[in-house]
């Protein structure tokens, strides 16, 4: 009789899926859902050792105007979408390679938090193949009790200002090199 590995027994790792992802030799965007938050990470693997390049939790949305009274809903479909959008913007800002999605042991249920996260990644500009029918409806993403448009505007403004800061730094470096 063969005994399964410890992490498989604990329900943490699907080794068959992990080996397929590692053989792809591409970076991964890892999506995890806890009891309180959504965790998203951009992971690069080398010789079966994972290195987290960018890591974000939905707690970061509080900095962009997520209401304090709705703090318990940081694992909602809206929070998943915005976390995916934020991670996608950071990936593009750092000019990292296009990733593949790793949902891990999460059950694949259409129109769920995982697909809201993927929709956020796609809306940020990351190229991921996914059927449009799998995404949640707009009214489920854009909830009435959360200032969705304001948070979205703040995220896009912060990206634009960071992009502008980068271009200013590049200009200063060019001037310094010329002198």
Foldseek 3Di string as FASTA:
>chain_A
DDDDDPCVVVLFADVVVVVVQVVVQFWEWEWDADQAKIKIFTWHDDPNDIDTPDIDILVVLVVLPWDPVCSRCNRFLLVLLVRLLLVLLVCVLVVHDQHAYDHGSDDQDFQGSVQSSVNSNVVNPRDYDDDPRRHHDPCRNDDPVTPSVSSVVSSVVVSVVVSVVVVVVVVVVVVVVVD
